[in-house]
Amino acid sequence: MHTIYFDLDGTLTNPKQGITRSIQYALDRLGQAVPHEDELTWCIGPPLHASLKKITGTDELADRALLLYRERFSDVGLFENEAYGGIEDTLASLAAASPRMFVATSKPAVYAGRIIDHFGLRRYFERVFGSELDGTRVDKGELLRYALDEAGVDAHSAVMIGDRSHDVVGARKNGMTAIGVLYGYGSEDELRGAGAHHICPTHPDLLDNCAALRA
């Protein structure tokens, strides 16, 4: 029986407004050019500090931008978010066949837990794993290694489901099966290029993929 780990942003929920508007807020406060929301969707999923450094150009500015981002995100942006339509039905079906499911996200655990609770999804997950505010375990490979060890799960019987390349790379580094989803923010080329074992266009497609792994 496979244990399933889910990414959060772009996999369980669509956080576009909260993330992009909080980045815009940070850049505005720093006096930097503020891109349109649609020009910032590439920031959804990967570790945020690295994305902010690409935008601002230096570690120092990225540090300041991250603090300003959290200033808005922790109270407002956190809830500018929506669960994907029908995702709870998919989770319920998967949970009926897979006794252990977890969330594993590069987002700080303090935020991830609040989001999962806000959308009433906590019942499907044994635990929510995330990074720390100081950047510990922001790398998906390190996070998944920690999550596997903490849960006592054999990586070869575990599945990581996510929408971006770092989900796939992190899974493969740990010997997990990597399933990429296309309804989030990563492209099929990105996911296949990272080495995804399976691709699911929609979240209901996960049911057949996970059933095949159990066969």
C-alpha atoms as a PDB file:
ATOM      1  CA  MET A   1       0.000   0.000   0.000  1.00  0.00           C
ATOM      2  CA  HIS A   2       1.491   3.331  -1.040  1.00  0.00           C
ATOM      3  CA  THR A   3       1.742   6.347   1.255  1.00  0.00           C
ATOM      4  CA  ILE A   4       0.840   9.591  -0.517  1.00  0.00           C
ATOM      5  CA  TYR A   5       2.471  12.994  -0.024  1.00  0.00           C
ATOM      6  CA  PHE A   6       0.746  16.032  -1.548  1.00  0.00           C
ATOM      7  CA  ASP A   7       2.170  19.403  -2.428  1.00  0.00           C
ATOM      8  CA  LEU A   8      -0.102  22.294  -1.362  1.00  0.00           C
ATOM      9  CA  ASP A   9       0.122  25.304  -3.702  1.00  0.00           C
ATOM     10  CA  GLY A  10      -1.049  24.410  -7.191  1.00  0.00           C
ATOM     11  CA  THR A  11      -1.964  20.880  -6.147  1.00  0.00           C
ATOM     12  CA  LEU A  12      -4.583  21.126  -3.385  1.00  0.00           C
ATOM     13  CA  THR A  13      -5.328  24.853  -3.584  1.00  0.00           C
ATOM     14  CA  ASN A  14      -4.956  27.722  -6.033  1.00  0.00           C
ATOM     15  CA  PRO A  15      -3.058  30.456  -4.130  1.00  0.00           C
ATOM     16  CA  LYS A  16      -2.488  32.810  -7.063  1.00  0.00           C
ATOM     17  CA  GLN A  17      -4.029  35.993  -5.655  1.00  0.00           C
ATOM     18  CA  GLY A  18      -2.551  35.684  -2.188  1.00  0.00           C
ATOM     19  CA  ILE A  19       0.979  34.949  -3.333  1.00  0.00           C
ATOM     20  CA  THR A  20       1.176  37.363  -6.252  1.00  0.00           C
ATOM     21  CA  ARG A  21      -0.471  40.252  -4.402  1.00  0.00           C
ATOM     22  CA  SER A  22       1.812  39.752  -1.420  1.00  0.00           C
ATOM     23  CA  ILE A  23       4.841  39.825  -3.729  1.00  0.00           C
ATOM     24  CA  GLN A  24       3.476  43.007  -5.325  1.00  0.00           C
ATOM     25  CA  TYR A  25       3.062  44.526  -1.858  1.00  0.00           C
ATOM     26  CA  ALA A  26       6.664  43.690  -0.953  1.00  0.00           C
ATOM     27  CA  LEU A  27       8.082  45.087  -4.177  1.00  0.00           C
ATOM     28  CA  ASP A  28       6.038  48.261  -3.877  1.00  0.00           C
ATOM     29  CA  ARG A  29       7.264  48.804  -0.314  1.00  0.00           C
ATOM     30  CA  LEU A  30      10.838  48.376  -1.558  1.00  0.00           C
ATOM     31  CA  GLY A  31      10.288  50.919  -4.313  1.00  0.00           C
ATOM     32  CA  GLN A  32      10.835  48.346  -7.040  1.00  0.00           C
ATOM     33  CA  ALA A  33       8.931  47.827 -10.281  1.00  0.00           C
ATOM     34  CA  VAL A  34       5.742  45.876  -9.640  1.00  0.00           C
ATOM     35  CA  PRO A  35       4.862  43.258 -12.293  1.00  0.00           C
ATOM     36  CA  HIS A  36       1.269  42.259 -13.073  1.00  0.00           C
ATOM     37  CA  GLU A  37      -0.114  39.251 -11.174  1.00  0.00           C
ATOM     38  CA  ASP A  38       0.101  37.050 -14.261  1.00  0.00           C
ATOM     39  CA  GLU A  39       3.800  37.836 -14.588  1.00  0.00           C
ATOM     40  CA  LEU A  40       4.437  36.440 -11.104  1.00  0.00           C
ATOM     41  CA  THR A  41       2.772  33.028 -11.363  1.00  0.00           C
ATOM     42  CA  TRP A  42       6.192  31.422 -11.928  1.00  0.00           C
ATOM     43  CA  CYS A  43       6.860  32.191  -8.255  1.00  0.00           C
ATOM     44  CA  ILE A  44       4.087  29.827  -7.132  1.00  0.00           C
ATOM     45  CA  GLY A  45       5.562  26.565  -5.913  1.00  0.00           C
ATOM     46  CA  PRO A  46       9.356  26.990  -5.748  1.00  0.00           C
ATOM     47  CA  PRO A  47      11.035  28.279  -2.568  1.00  0.00           C
ATOM     48  CA  LEU A  48      10.039  31.922  -2.359  1.00  0.00           C
ATOM     49  CA  HIS A  49      13.334  33.470  -1.259  1.00  0.00           C
ATOM     50  CA  ALA A  50      15.059  32.185  -4.398  1.00  0.00           C
ATOM     51  CA  SER A  51      12.280  33.654  -6.549  1.00  0.00           C
ATOM     52  CA  LEU A  52      12.495  36.993  -4.758  1.00  0.00           C
ATOM     53  CA  LYS A  53      16.246  37.070  -5.313  1.00  0.00           C
ATOM     54  CA  LYS A  54      15.678  36.606  -9.048  1.00  0.00           C
ATOM     55  CA  ILE A  55      13.313  39.586  -8.980  1.00  0.00           C
ATOM     56  CA  THR A  56      15.274  41.923  -6.699  1.00  0.00           C
ATOM     57  CA  GLY A  57      18.808  40.894  -7.649  1.00  0.00           C
ATOM     58  CA  THR A  58      20.462  40.463  -4.238  1.00  0.00           C
ATOM     59  CA  ASP A  59      20.163  38.332  -1.117  1.00  0.00           C
ATOM     60  CA  GLU A  60      19.786  41.443   1.025  1.00  0.00           C
ATOM     61  CA  LEU A  61      16.823  42.745  -0.978  1.00  0.00           C
ATOM     62  CA  ALA A  62      15.318  39.266  -1.120  1.00  0.00           C
ATOM     63  CA  ASP A  63      15.550  39.053   2.686  1.00  0.00           C
ATOM     64  CA  ARG A  64      13.743  42.381   3.039  1.00  0.00           C
ATOM     65  CA  ALA A  65      11.167  41.430   0.406  1.00  0.00           C
ATOM     66  CA  LEU A  66      10.430  38.154   2.185  1.00  0.00           C
ATOM     67  CA  LEU A  67       9.751  39.943   5.471  1.00  0.00           C
ATOM     68  CA  LEU A  68       7.433  42.409   3.724  1.00  0.00           C
ATOM     69  CA  TYR A  69       5.728  39.562   1.864  1.00  0.00           C
ATOM     70  CA  ARG A  70       4.994  37.801   5.149  1.00  0.00           C
ATOM     71  CA  GLU A  71       3.731  41.068   6.643  1.00  0.00           C
ATOM     72  CA  ARG A  72       0.805  40.911   4.221  1.00  0.00           C
ATOM     73  CA  PHE A  73       0.551  37.168   3.593  1.00  0.00           C
ATOM     74  CA  SER A  74       0.210  36.110   7.231  1.00  0.00           C
ATOM     75  CA  ASP A  75      -3.004  38.112   7.731  1.00  0.00           C
ATOM     76  CA  VAL A  76      -4.483  38.699   4.261  1.00  0.00           C
ATOM     77  CA  GLY A  77      -2.788  36.721   1.501  1.00  0.00           C
ATOM     78  CA  LEU A  78      -3.109  33.441   3.355  1.00  0.00           C
ATOM     79  CA  PHE A  79      -6.833  33.405   2.681  1.00  0.00           C
ATOM     80  CA  GLU A  80      -6.754  34.842  -0.861  1.00  0.00           C
ATOM     81  CA  ASN A  81      -6.786  31.242  -1.919  1.00  0.00           C
ATOM     82  CA  GLU A  82      -9.256  28.575  -2.996  1.00  0.00           C
ATOM     83  CA  ALA A  83      -9.390  24.807  -2.895  1.00  0.00           C
ATOM     84  CA  TYR A  84      -9.602  23.280  -6.354  1.00  0.00           C
ATOM     85  CA  GLY A  85     -13.149  22.289  -7.234  1.00  0.00           C
ATOM     86  CA  GLY A  86     -13.836  18.667  -6.339  1.00  0.00           C
ATOM     87  CA  ILE A  87     -10.471  18.149  -4.631  1.00  0.00           C
ATOM     88  CA  GLU A  88     -12.145  16.976  -1.437  1.00  0.00           C
ATOM     89  CA  ASP A  89     -13.962  14.195  -3.315  1.00  0.00           C
ATOM     90  CA  THR A  90     -10.652  13.075  -4.802  1.00  0.00           C
ATOM     91  CA  LEU A  91      -8.977  13.128  -1.387  1.00  0.00           C
ATOM     92  CA  ALA A  92     -11.829  11.150   0.169  1.00  0.00           C
ATOM     93  CA  SER A  93     -11.536   8.469  -2.518  1.00  0.00           C
ATOM     94  CA  LEU A  94      -7.756   8.267  -2.169  1.00  0.00           C
ATOM     95  CA  ALA A  95      -7.974   8.156   1.629  1.00  0.00           C
ATOM     96  CA  ALA A  96     -10.357   5.204   1.447  1.00  0.00           C
ATOM     97  CA  ALA A  97      -7.659   3.169  -0.315  1.00  0.00           C
ATOM     98  CA  SER A  98      -4.475   4.744   1.068  1.00  0.00           C
ATOM     99  CA  PRO A  99      -4.443   4.703   4.862  1.00  0.00           C
ATOM    100  CA  ARG A 100      -1.641   7.280   5.153  1.00  0.00           C
ATOM    101  CA  MET A 101      -1.631  10.668   3.424  1.00  0.00           C
ATOM    102  CA  PHE A 102       0.460  13.742   4.218  1.00  0.00           C
ATOM    103  CA  VAL A 103       1.029  17.276   2.959  1.00  0.00           C
ATOM    104  CA  ALA A 104       4.626  18.179   2.087  1.00  0.00           C
ATOM    105  CA  THR A 105       5.093  21.798   1.014  1.00  0.00           C
ATOM    106  CA  SER A 106       7.984  24.251   0.812  1.00  0.00           C
ATOM    107  CA  LYS A 107       5.624  26.823   2.333  1.00  0.00           C
ATOM    108  CA  PRO A 108       6.288  27.413   6.059  1.00  0.00           C
ATOM    109  CA  ALA A 109       4.395  24.834   8.094  1.00  0.00           C
ATOM    110  CA  VAL A 110       2.825  27.583  10.228  1.00  0.00           C
ATOM    111  CA  TYR A 111       1.019  28.872   7.118  1.00  0.00           C
ATOM    112  CA  ALA A 112       0.354  25.509   5.496  1.00  0.00           C
ATOM    113  CA  GLY A 113      -1.447  24.164   8.548  1.00  0.00           C
ATOM    114  CA  ARG A 114      -3.725  27.194   8.713  1.00  0.00           C
ATOM    115  CA  ILE A 115      -4.609  26.849   5.026  1.00  0.00           C
ATOM    116  CA  ILE A 116      -5.400  23.147   5.341  1.00  0.00           C
ATOM    117  CA  ASP A 117      -7.602  23.879   8.357  1.00  0.00           C
ATOM    118  CA  HIS A 118      -9.289  26.817   6.621  1.00  0.00           C
ATOM    119  CA  PHE A 119     -10.473  24.563   3.796  1.00  0.00           C
ATOM    120  CA  GLY A 120     -11.485  21.703   6.103  1.00  0.00           C
ATOM    121  CA  LEU A 121      -8.952  19.280   4.655  1.00  0.00           C
ATOM    122  CA  ARG A 122      -7.155  18.302   7.857  1.00  0.00           C
ATOM    123  CA  ARG A 123      -9.222  15.093   8.216  1.00  0.00           C
ATOM    124  CA  TYR A 124      -7.513  13.568   5.182  1.00  0.00           C
ATOM    125  CA  PHE A 125      -3.944  14.071   6.334  1.00  0.00           C
ATOM    126  CA  GLU A 126      -2.007  12.474   9.128  1.00  0.00           C
ATOM    127  CA  ARG A 127       0.363  15.452   9.279  1.00  0.00           C
ATOM    128  CA  VAL A 128       1.262  18.638   7.409  1.00  0.00           C
ATOM    129  CA  PHE A 129       5.000  18.974   6.724  1.00  0.00           C
ATOM    130  CA  GLY A 130       6.434  22.339   5.720  1.00  0.00           C
ATOM    131  CA  SER A 131       9.535  24.460   6.009  1.00  0.00           C
ATOM    132  CA  GLU A 132      10.472  26.690   8.932  1.00  0.00           C
ATOM    133  CA  LEU A 133      10.364  30.477   8.786  1.00  0.00           C
ATOM    134  CA  ASP A 134      14.179  30.562   8.936  1.00  0.00           C
ATOM    135  CA  GLY A 135      14.382  28.567   5.689  1.00  0.00           C
ATOM    136  CA  THR A 136      15.061  25.163   7.209  1.00  0.00           C
ATOM    137  CA  ARG A 137      13.769  22.383   4.920  1.00  0.00           C
ATOM    138  CA  VAL A 138      12.698  24.794   2.176  1.00  0.00           C
ATOM    139  CA  ASP A 139      14.450  22.479  -0.315  1.00  0.00           C
ATOM    140  CA  LYS A 140      11.884  19.861  -1.377  1.00  0.00           C
ATOM    141  CA  GLY A 141      14.380  17.015  -1.284  1.00  0.00           C
ATOM    142  CA  GLU A 142      15.357  17.810   2.293  1.00  0.00           C
ATOM    143  CA  LEU A 143      11.733  18.307   3.275  1.00  0.00           C
ATOM    144  CA  LEU A 144      10.675  14.950   1.857  1.00  0.00           C
ATOM    145  CA  ARG A 145      13.597  13.153   3.516  1.00  0.00           C
ATOM    146  CA  TYR A 146      12.484  14.644   6.842  1.00  0.00           C
ATOM    147  CA  ALA A 147       8.826  13.811   6.150  1.00  0.00           C
ATOM    148  CA  LEU A 148       9.634  10.200   5.273  1.00  0.00           C
ATOM    149  CA  ASP A 149      11.812   9.749   8.364  1.00  0.00           C
ATOM    150  CA  GLU A 150       9.324  11.406  10.705  1.00  0.00           C
ATOM    151  CA  ALA A 151       6.482   9.214   9.452  1.00  0.00           C
ATOM    152  CA  GLY A 152       8.572   6.039   9.300  1.00  0.00           C
ATOM    153  CA  VAL A 153       7.740   5.565   5.617  1.00  0.00           C
ATOM    154  CA  ASP A 154       9.792   3.550   3.113  1.00  0.00           C
ATOM    155  CA  ALA A 155      10.461   5.898   0.199  1.00  0.00           C
ATOM    156  CA  HIS A 156       9.995   3.101  -2.326  1.00  0.00           C
ATOM    157  CA  SER A 157       6.387   2.686  -1.201  1.00  0.00           C
ATOM    158  CA  ALA A 158       5.690   6.439  -1.228  1.00  0.00           C
ATOM    159  CA  VAL A 159       4.242   8.782  -3.853  1.00  0.00           C
ATOM    160  CA  MET A 160       4.803  12.531  -4.175  1.00  0.00           C
ATOM    161  CA  ILE A 161       2.103  14.467  -6.033  1.00  0.00           C
ATOM    162  CA  GLY A 162       2.888  18.022  -7.133  1.00  0.00           C
ATOM    163  CA  ASP A 163       2.651  20.542  -9.948  1.00  0.00           C
ATOM    164  CA  ARG A 164       6.222  21.852 -10.238  1.00  0.00           C
ATOM    165  CA  SER A 165       9.627  20.441 -11.128  1.00  0.00           C
ATOM    166  CA  HIS A 166      10.999  20.762  -7.603  1.00  0.00           C
ATOM    167  CA  ASP A 167       8.282  18.364  -6.377  1.00  0.00           C
ATOM    168  CA  VAL A 168       9.430  15.799  -8.915  1.00  0.00           C
ATOM    169  CA  VAL A 169      13.153  16.334  -8.331  1.00  0.00           C
ATOM    170  CA  GLY A 170      12.686  16.116  -4.550  1.00  0.00           C
ATOM    171  CA  ALA A 171      10.746  12.883  -4.898  1.00  0.00           C
ATOM    172  CA  ARG A 172      13.279  11.257  -7.203  1.00  0.00           C
ATOM    173  CA  LYS A 173      16.179  12.256  -4.936  1.00  0.00           C
ATOM    174  CA  ASN A 174      14.509  10.215  -2.222  1.00  0.00           C
ATOM    175  CA  GLY A 175      13.511   7.228  -4.341  1.00  0.00           C
ATOM    176  CA  MET A 176       9.789   8.073  -4.340  1.00  0.00           C
ATOM    177  CA  THR A 177       7.335   7.761  -7.225  1.00  0.00           C
ATOM    178  CA  ALA A 178       6.719  11.244  -8.657  1.00  0.00           C
ATOM    179  CA  ILE A 179       3.331  12.177 -10.102  1.00  0.00           C
ATOM    180  CA  GLY A 180       3.003  15.551 -11.805  1.00  0.00           C
ATOM    181  CA  VAL A 181      -0.341  17.329 -12.164  1.00  0.00           C
ATOM    182  CA  LEU A 182      -1.150  19.750 -14.968  1.00  0.00           C
ATOM    183  CA  TYR A 183      -3.984  21.772 -13.423  1.00  0.00           C
ATOM    184  CA  GLY A 184      -1.527  23.767 -11.286  1.00  0.00           C
ATOM    185  CA  TYR A 185       1.370  25.990 -12.372  1.00  0.00           C
ATOM    186  CA  GLY A 186       3.871  23.641 -13.991  1.00  0.00           C
ATOM    187  CA  SER A 187       3.819  22.595 -17.640  1.00  0.00           C
ATOM    188  CA  GLU A 188       3.985  19.056 -18.969  1.00  0.00           C
ATOM    189  CA  ASP A 189       7.436  19.802 -20.400  1.00  0.00           C
ATOM    190  CA  GLU A 190       8.632  21.028 -16.993  1.00  0.00           C
ATOM    191  CA  LEU A 191       7.334  17.962 -15.188  1.00  0.00           C
ATOM    192  CA  ARG A 192       8.526  15.426 -17.734  1.00  0.00           C
ATOM    193  CA  GLY A 193      11.890  17.163 -17.942  1.00  0.00           C
ATOM    194  CA  ALA A 194      12.265  16.807 -14.172  1.00  0.00           C
ATOM    195  CA  GLY A 195      11.584  13.080 -14.450  1.00  0.00           C
ATOM    196  CA  ALA A 196       7.949  12.608 -13.426  1.00  0.00           C
ATOM    197  CA  HIS A 197       6.952   8.951 -13.529  1.00  0.00           C
ATOM    198  CA  HIS A 198       3.322   9.792 -14.314  1.00  0.00           C
ATOM    199  CA  ILE A 199       1.390  12.867 -15.477  1.00  0.00           C
ATOM    200  CA  CYS A 200      -2.227  13.613 -14.490  1.00  0.00           C
ATOM    201  CA  PRO A 201      -4.101  16.356 -16.356  1.00  0.00           C
ATOM    202  CA  THR A 202      -6.777  16.600 -13.614  1.00  0.00           C
ATOM    203  CA  HIS A 203      -6.909  15.601  -9.980  1.00  0.00           C
ATOM    204  CA  PRO A 204      -9.568  12.879 -10.534  1.00  0.00           C
ATOM    205  CA  ASP A 205      -6.976  11.213 -12.805  1.00  0.00           C
ATOM    206  CA  LEU A 206      -4.942  10.591  -9.661  1.00  0.00           C
ATOM    207  CA  LEU A 207      -7.419   7.883  -8.672  1.00  0.00           C
ATOM    208  CA  ASP A 208      -6.506   5.640 -11.603  1.00  0.00           C
ATOM    209  CA  ASN A 209      -2.784   6.360 -11.294  1.00  0.00           C
ATOM    210  CA  CYS A 210      -2.664   5.553  -7.599  1.00  0.00           C
ATOM    211  CA  ALA A 211      -4.836   2.467  -8.117  1.00  0.00           C
ATOM    212  CA  ALA A 212      -2.358   1.235 -10.743  1.00  0.00           C
ATOM    213  CA  LEU A 213       0.491   1.626  -8.247  1.00  0.00           C
ATOM    214  CA  ARG A 214      -1.384  -0.567  -5.780  1.00  0.00           C
ATOM    215  CA  ALA A 215      -2.046  -3.273  -8.369  1.00  0.00           C
END
